[in-house]
């Protein structure tokens, strides 16, 4: 089963928690693996802490210092930083499903990572 989701981002760089959407898909699957994938070259998918909202903010702040928006890039579109950030995170994650639940850690959430927003984006979940 594959389900497509549409998401609207509101900032150039942001993490959006998509755990609930993914859990809704696996809610009737007793056991398996869920793959979450984004087809965009300037977005990523990651799993990290969501109990403290400062964690995603700290990650984004550190990314901006490591890979600034403006630098000596050759790519003419002006979004080379977004391509680099997306490559660092990757375009997908896989999560084990057991008893109709994502096997995430206590503090873990699945995040859609926008690095070239705001835009309307897609992501897919396959179980």
N, C-alpha and C. Protein backbone atom coordinates (compact mmCIF):
# COMPACT_ATOMS: atom_id res chain seq x y z
N UNK A 1 0.83 -1.18 0.00
CA UNK A 1 0.00 0.00 0.00
C UNK A 1 0.88 1.25 0.00
N UNK A 2 0.55 2.21 -0.85
CA UNK A 2 1.27 3.49 -0.92
C UNK A 2 0.24 4.61 -0.81
N UNK A 3 0.54 5.57 0.05
CA UNK A 3 -0.34 6.74 0.20
C UNK A 3 0.49 8.00 0.01
N UNK A 4 -0.05 8.94 -0.76
CA UNK A 4 0.61 10.24 -0.99
C UNK A 4 -0.03 11.28 -0.07
N UNK A 5 0.81 12.14 0.49
CA UNK A 5 0.37 13.26 1.31
C UNK A 5 0.87 14.55 0.69
N UNK A 6 0.08 15.60 0.81
CA UNK A 6 0.49 16.94 0.41
C UNK A 6 0.68 17.75 1.68
N UNK A 7 1.76 18.53 1.70
CA UNK A 7 2.08 19.33 2.88
C UNK A 7 2.46 20.73 2.42
N UNK A 8 2.01 21.73 3.14
CA UNK A 8 2.37 23.12 2.84
C UNK A 8 3.36 23.58 3.89
N UNK A 9 4.53 23.99 3.42
CA UNK A 9 5.52 24.51 4.36
C UNK A 9 5.38 26.03 4.42
N UNK A 10 5.84 26.60 5.53
CA UNK A 10 5.63 28.04 5.72
C UNK A 10 6.91 28.83 5.89
N UNK A 11 8.05 28.15 5.97
CA UNK A 11 9.33 28.82 6.16
C UNK A 11 10.35 28.25 5.19
N UNK A 12 11.45 28.96 5.01
CA UNK A 12 12.52 28.45 4.15
C UNK A 12 13.08 27.14 4.72
N UNK A 13 13.35 27.13 6.01
CA UNK A 13 13.88 25.95 6.68
C UNK A 13 12.97 25.61 7.86
N UNK A 14 12.43 24.39 7.85
CA UNK A 14 11.61 23.98 9.00
C UNK A 14 11.47 22.47 9.05
N UNK A 15 11.19 21.99 10.24
CA UNK A 15 10.86 20.59 10.47
C UNK A 15 9.37 20.53 10.79
N UNK A 16 8.66 19.64 10.11
CA UNK A 16 7.24 19.46 10.36
C UNK A 16 7.01 18.02 10.80
N UNK A 17 6.40 17.84 11.95
CA UNK A 17 6.13 16.51 12.49
C UNK A 17 5.03 15.85 11.65
N UNK A 18 5.36 14.72 11.04
CA UNK A 18 4.40 13.99 10.22
C UNK A 18 4.09 12.61 10.80
N UNK A 19 4.46 12.40 12.06
CA UNK A 19 4.28 11.10 12.70
C UNK A 19 2.82 10.66 12.69
N UNK A 20 1.90 11.57 12.99
CA UNK A 20 0.48 11.21 13.05
C UNK A 20 -0.01 10.70 11.70
N UNK A 21 0.37 11.37 10.60
CA UNK A 21 -0.06 10.92 9.28
C UNK A 21 0.47 9.52 8.97
N UNK A 22 1.73 9.27 9.35
CA UNK A 22 2.32 7.95 9.09
C UNK A 22 1.64 6.90 9.97
N UNK A 23 1.41 7.21 11.24
CA UNK A 23 0.75 6.27 12.14
C UNK A 23 -0.65 5.92 11.65
N UNK A 24 -1.36 6.89 11.10
CA UNK A 24 -2.70 6.63 10.56
C UNK A 24 -2.67 5.56 9.48
N UNK A 25 -1.62 5.53 8.69
CA UNK A 25 -1.50 4.54 7.61
C UNK A 25 -1.24 3.15 8.17
N UNK A 26 -0.42 3.05 9.20
CA UNK A 26 -0.03 1.74 9.73
C UNK A 26 -1.02 1.22 10.77
N UNK A 27 -2.03 2.00 11.11
CA UNK A 27 -2.96 1.63 12.18
C UNK A 27 -3.70 0.32 11.97
N UNK A 28 -3.75 -0.17 10.74
CA UNK A 28 -4.42 -1.44 10.46
C UNK A 28 -3.45 -2.52 10.00
N UNK A 29 -2.17 -2.24 10.10
CA UNK A 29 -1.14 -3.18 9.67
C UNK A 29 -0.54 -3.83 10.93
N UNK A 30 -0.77 -5.13 11.14
CA UNK A 30 -0.28 -5.73 12.37
C UNK A 30 1.25 -5.77 12.48
N UNK A 31 1.92 -5.94 11.33
CA UNK A 31 3.37 -6.07 11.36
C UNK A 31 3.94 -5.75 10.00
N UNK A 32 5.09 -5.10 9.97
CA UNK A 32 5.73 -4.79 8.70
C UNK A 32 6.73 -3.66 8.84
N UNK A 33 6.94 -2.94 7.74
CA UNK A 33 7.87 -1.82 7.72
C UNK A 33 7.20 -0.68 6.95
N UNK A 34 7.29 0.51 7.50
CA UNK A 34 6.79 1.70 6.82
C UNK A 34 7.97 2.49 6.30
N UNK A 35 7.92 2.83 5.03
CA UNK A 35 8.93 3.69 4.42
C UNK A 35 8.28 5.04 4.14
N UNK A 36 8.95 6.11 4.57
CA UNK A 36 8.48 7.47 4.32
C UNK A 36 9.49 8.11 3.39
N UNK A 37 9.00 8.65 2.25
CA UNK A 37 9.88 9.14 1.19
C UNK A 37 9.41 10.49 0.68
N UNK A 38 10.34 11.40 0.43
CA UNK A 38 10.04 12.67 -0.21
C UNK A 38 10.72 12.71 -1.58
N UNK A 39 9.99 13.10 -2.65
CA UNK A 39 10.56 13.10 -3.99
C UNK A 39 11.22 14.42 -4.40
N UNK A 40 11.50 15.29 -3.44
CA UNK A 40 12.05 16.60 -3.76
C UNK A 40 13.54 16.66 -3.42
N UNK A 41 14.30 17.36 -4.23
CA UNK A 41 15.76 17.43 -4.04
C UNK A 41 16.19 18.47 -3.01
N UNK A 42 15.24 19.22 -2.47
CA UNK A 42 15.57 20.21 -1.44
C UNK A 42 14.77 19.98 -0.16
N UNK A 43 14.33 18.74 0.05
CA UNK A 43 13.67 18.35 1.29
C UNK A 43 14.29 17.06 1.79
N UNK A 44 14.00 16.72 3.02
CA UNK A 44 14.48 15.48 3.59
C UNK A 44 13.46 14.91 4.56
N UNK A 45 13.76 13.72 5.04
CA UNK A 45 12.96 13.06 6.06
C UNK A 45 13.94 12.60 7.14
N UNK A 46 13.57 12.82 8.40
CA UNK A 46 14.44 12.38 9.49
C UNK A 46 13.61 11.97 10.69
N UNK A 47 14.23 11.25 11.59
CA UNK A 47 13.64 10.89 12.88
C UNK A 47 14.51 11.53 13.94
N UNK A 48 13.85 12.24 14.87
CA UNK A 48 14.59 12.85 15.96
C UNK A 48 13.63 13.18 17.10
N UNK A 49 14.15 13.82 18.13
CA UNK A 49 13.35 14.14 19.31
C UNK A 49 12.30 15.20 19.00
N UNK A 50 11.11 14.99 19.56
CA UNK A 50 10.05 15.97 19.43
C UNK A 50 9.46 16.35 20.79
N UNK A 51 9.98 15.80 21.87
CA UNK A 51 9.47 16.14 23.20
C UNK A 51 9.81 17.59 23.55
N UNK A 52 10.98 18.02 23.15
CA UNK A 52 11.41 19.40 23.38
C UNK A 52 11.48 20.10 22.02
N UNK A 53 10.62 21.09 21.77
CA UNK A 53 10.61 21.76 20.46
C UNK A 53 11.90 22.51 20.15
N UNK A 54 12.75 22.69 21.15
CA UNK A 54 14.03 23.35 20.90
C UNK A 54 15.00 22.46 20.13
N UNK A 55 14.83 21.15 20.18
CA UNK A 55 15.75 20.26 19.48
C UNK A 55 15.70 20.49 17.97
N UNK A 56 14.53 20.44 17.33
CA UNK A 56 14.51 20.73 15.88
C UNK A 56 15.02 22.15 15.57
N UNK A 57 14.70 23.10 16.43
CA UNK A 57 15.19 24.47 16.21
C UNK A 57 16.72 24.52 16.30
N UNK A 58 17.29 23.82 17.27
CA UNK A 58 18.76 23.78 17.40
C UNK A 58 19.40 23.14 16.17
N UNK A 59 18.77 22.07 15.66
CA UNK A 59 19.31 21.41 14.47
C UNK A 59 19.30 22.37 13.28
N UNK A 60 18.19 23.06 13.09
CA UNK A 60 18.09 24.02 11.99
C UNK A 60 19.10 25.16 12.14
N UNK A 61 19.28 25.63 13.36
CA UNK A 61 20.25 26.71 13.61
C UNK A 61 21.67 26.25 13.29
N UNK A 62 22.02 25.05 13.70
CA UNK A 62 23.36 24.53 13.42
C UNK A 62 23.55 24.30 11.92
N UNK A 63 22.51 23.80 11.26
CA UNK A 63 22.60 23.60 9.80
C UNK A 63 22.88 24.92 9.09
N UNK A 64 22.21 25.97 9.52
CA UNK A 64 22.40 27.27 8.88
C UNK A 64 23.83 27.76 9.06
N UNK A 65 24.44 27.49 10.21
CA UNK A 65 25.84 27.92 10.41
C UNK A 65 26.80 27.04 9.61
N UNK A 66 26.48 25.75 9.46
CA UNK A 66 27.35 24.84 8.71
C UNK A 66 27.20 25.01 7.20
N UNK A 67 25.95 25.24 6.76
CA UNK A 67 25.64 25.34 5.33
C UNK A 67 24.79 26.61 5.12
N UNK A 68 25.44 27.77 5.08
CA UNK A 68 24.67 29.02 4.97
C UNK A 68 23.98 29.16 3.61
N UNK A 69 22.90 29.92 3.61
CA UNK A 69 22.15 30.13 2.37
C UNK A 69 23.01 30.81 1.31
N UNK A 70 23.80 31.75 1.72
CA UNK A 70 24.65 32.47 0.78
C UNK A 70 26.11 32.08 1.02
N UNK A 71 26.72 31.58 -0.02
CA UNK A 71 28.12 31.18 0.04
C UNK A 71 28.64 31.21 -1.40
N UNK A 72 29.79 30.69 -1.63
CA UNK A 72 30.39 30.72 -2.95
C UNK A 72 29.93 29.49 -3.77
N UNK A 73 28.61 29.34 -3.94
CA UNK A 73 28.06 28.20 -4.66
C UNK A 73 28.04 28.46 -6.16
N UNK A 74 28.15 27.42 -6.95
CA UNK A 74 28.10 27.54 -8.41
C UNK A 74 26.69 27.44 -8.96
N UNK A 75 25.82 26.71 -8.30
CA UNK A 75 24.44 26.51 -8.76
C UNK A 75 23.73 27.86 -8.84
N UNK A 76 23.16 28.16 -9.97
CA UNK A 76 22.63 29.50 -10.24
C UNK A 76 21.25 29.78 -9.64
N UNK A 77 20.54 28.76 -9.19
CA UNK A 77 19.19 28.97 -8.67
C UNK A 77 19.17 29.63 -7.29
N UNK A 78 20.27 29.63 -6.61
CA UNK A 78 20.31 30.24 -5.28
C UNK A 78 19.82 29.35 -4.16
N UNK A 79 19.74 28.05 -4.42
CA UNK A 79 19.30 27.14 -3.36
C UNK A 79 20.25 25.96 -3.15
N UNK A 80 21.52 26.19 -3.43
CA UNK A 80 22.51 25.13 -3.22
C UNK A 80 22.53 24.64 -1.78
N UNK A 81 22.35 25.57 -0.85
CA UNK A 81 22.33 25.17 0.56
C UNK A 81 21.23 24.15 0.81
N UNK A 82 20.08 24.34 0.18
CA UNK A 82 18.96 23.42 0.37
C UNK A 82 19.29 22.03 -0.19
N UNK A 83 19.95 21.97 -1.32
CA UNK A 83 20.36 20.68 -1.89
C UNK A 83 21.34 19.97 -0.96
N UNK A 84 22.28 20.72 -0.41
CA UNK A 84 23.28 20.12 0.49
C UNK A 84 22.60 19.60 1.76
N UNK A 85 21.73 20.41 2.35
CA UNK A 85 21.03 19.99 3.58
C UNK A 85 20.19 18.75 3.31
N UNK A 86 19.49 18.72 2.18
CA UNK A 86 18.67 17.56 1.84
C UNK A 86 19.53 16.31 1.68
N UNK A 87 20.71 16.47 1.09
CA UNK A 87 21.61 15.33 0.92
C UNK A 87 22.12 14.82 2.27
N UNK A 88 22.34 15.72 3.20
CA UNK A 88 22.80 15.31 4.54
C UNK A 88 21.73 14.49 5.27
N UNK A 89 20.47 14.84 5.08
CA UNK A 89 19.39 14.15 5.78
C UNK A 89 18.90 12.92 5.05
N UNK A 90 18.90 12.96 3.75
CA UNK A 90 18.38 11.83 2.97
C UNK A 90 16.90 12.00 2.69
N UNK A 91 16.42 11.25 1.72
CA UNK A 91 15.05 11.41 1.24
C UNK A 91 14.06 10.42 1.84
N UNK A 92 14.52 9.53 2.72
CA UNK A 92 13.57 8.56 3.29
C UNK A 92 14.05 8.01 4.63
N UNK A 93 13.09 7.45 5.37
CA UNK A 93 13.37 6.68 6.58
C UNK A 93 12.49 5.44 6.55
N UNK A 94 12.90 4.43 7.29
CA UNK A 94 12.10 3.21 7.45
C UNK A 94 11.87 2.99 8.93
N UNK A 95 10.64 2.60 9.26
CA UNK A 95 10.28 2.35 10.65
C UNK A 95 9.55 1.01 10.73
N UNK A 96 9.95 0.20 11.68
CA UNK A 96 9.29 -1.09 11.91
C UNK A 96 7.89 -0.85 12.47
N UNK A 97 6.94 -1.67 12.02
CA UNK A 97 5.56 -1.64 12.53
C UNK A 97 5.30 -2.94 13.27
N UNK A 98 4.80 -2.81 14.50
CA UNK A 98 4.44 -3.99 15.29
C UNK A 98 3.15 -3.69 16.02
N UNK A 99 2.22 -4.61 15.98
CA UNK A 99 0.91 -4.44 16.64
C UNK A 99 0.25 -3.13 16.22
N UNK A 100 0.30 -2.82 14.93
CA UNK A 100 -0.35 -1.65 14.33
C UNK A 100 0.23 -0.32 14.85
N UNK A 101 1.45 -0.35 15.33
CA UNK A 101 2.09 0.86 15.86
C UNK A 101 3.50 1.01 15.28
N UNK A 102 3.88 2.25 15.02
CA UNK A 102 5.27 2.54 14.65
C UNK A 102 6.16 2.26 15.86
N UNK A 103 7.25 1.54 15.65
CA UNK A 103 8.17 1.26 16.75
C UNK A 103 9.19 2.40 16.90
N UNK A 104 8.68 3.55 17.29
CA UNK A 104 9.53 4.71 17.55
C UNK A 104 9.86 4.75 19.03
N UNK A 105 11.01 5.35 19.35
CA UNK A 105 11.38 5.54 20.74
C UNK A 105 10.45 6.54 21.41
N UNK A 106 10.50 6.59 22.72
CA UNK A 106 9.63 7.44 23.52
C UNK A 106 9.60 8.88 23.04
N UNK A 107 10.74 9.43 22.68
CA UNK A 107 10.84 10.84 22.34
C UNK A 107 10.91 11.07 20.84
N UNK A 108 10.84 10.02 20.04
CA UNK A 108 11.06 10.16 18.60
C UNK A 108 9.80 10.53 17.83
N UNK A 109 10.00 11.34 16.79
CA UNK A 109 8.97 11.67 15.81
C UNK A 109 9.60 11.63 14.42
N UNK A 110 8.76 11.52 13.42
CA UNK A 110 9.20 11.57 12.03
C UNK A 110 8.96 13.00 11.54
N UNK A 111 9.99 13.58 10.96
CA UNK A 111 9.91 14.96 10.50
C UNK A 111 10.09 15.06 8.99
N UNK A 112 9.25 15.89 8.37
CA UNK A 112 9.48 16.35 7.01
C UNK A 112 10.36 17.58 7.14
N UNK A 113 11.48 17.61 6.43
CA UNK A 113 12.46 18.69 6.53
C UNK A 113 12.42 19.55 5.28
N UNK A 114 12.01 20.78 5.44
CA UNK A 114 11.96 21.74 4.32
C UNK A 114 13.21 22.61 4.38
N UNK A 115 13.89 22.73 3.23
CA UNK A 115 15.10 23.56 3.16
C UNK A 115 15.03 24.61 2.06
N UNK A 116 13.90 24.71 1.35
CA UNK A 116 13.77 25.67 0.25
C UNK A 116 12.33 26.16 0.14
N UNK A 117 11.75 26.47 1.28
CA UNK A 117 10.34 26.86 1.31
C UNK A 117 10.17 28.36 1.34
N UNK A 118 8.92 28.77 1.50
CA UNK A 118 7.73 27.94 1.64
C UNK A 118 7.25 27.40 0.29
N UNK A 119 6.71 26.18 0.33
CA UNK A 119 6.23 25.51 -0.88
C UNK A 119 5.14 24.51 -0.52
N UNK A 120 4.49 24.01 -1.56
CA UNK A 120 3.60 22.86 -1.41
C UNK A 120 4.40 21.64 -1.82
N UNK A 121 4.46 20.66 -0.95
CA UNK A 121 5.31 19.48 -1.15
C UNK A 121 4.50 18.20 -1.05
N UNK A 122 5.15 17.09 -1.40
CA UNK A 122 4.56 15.77 -1.28
C UNK A 122 5.49 14.88 -0.47
N UNK A 123 4.89 13.91 0.19
CA UNK A 123 5.67 12.79 0.70
C UNK A 123 4.79 11.55 0.59
N UNK A 124 5.44 10.40 0.56
CA UNK A 124 4.75 9.12 0.39
C UNK A 124 5.06 8.22 1.57
N UNK A 125 4.08 7.39 1.88
CA UNK A 125 4.27 6.34 2.88
C UNK A 125 3.92 5.02 2.21
N UNK A 126 4.84 4.07 2.27
CA UNK A 126 4.59 2.72 1.77
C UNK A 126 4.71 1.75 2.93
N UNK A 127 3.73 0.86 3.05
CA UNK A 127 3.76 -0.16 4.09
C UNK A 127 3.72 -1.51 3.41
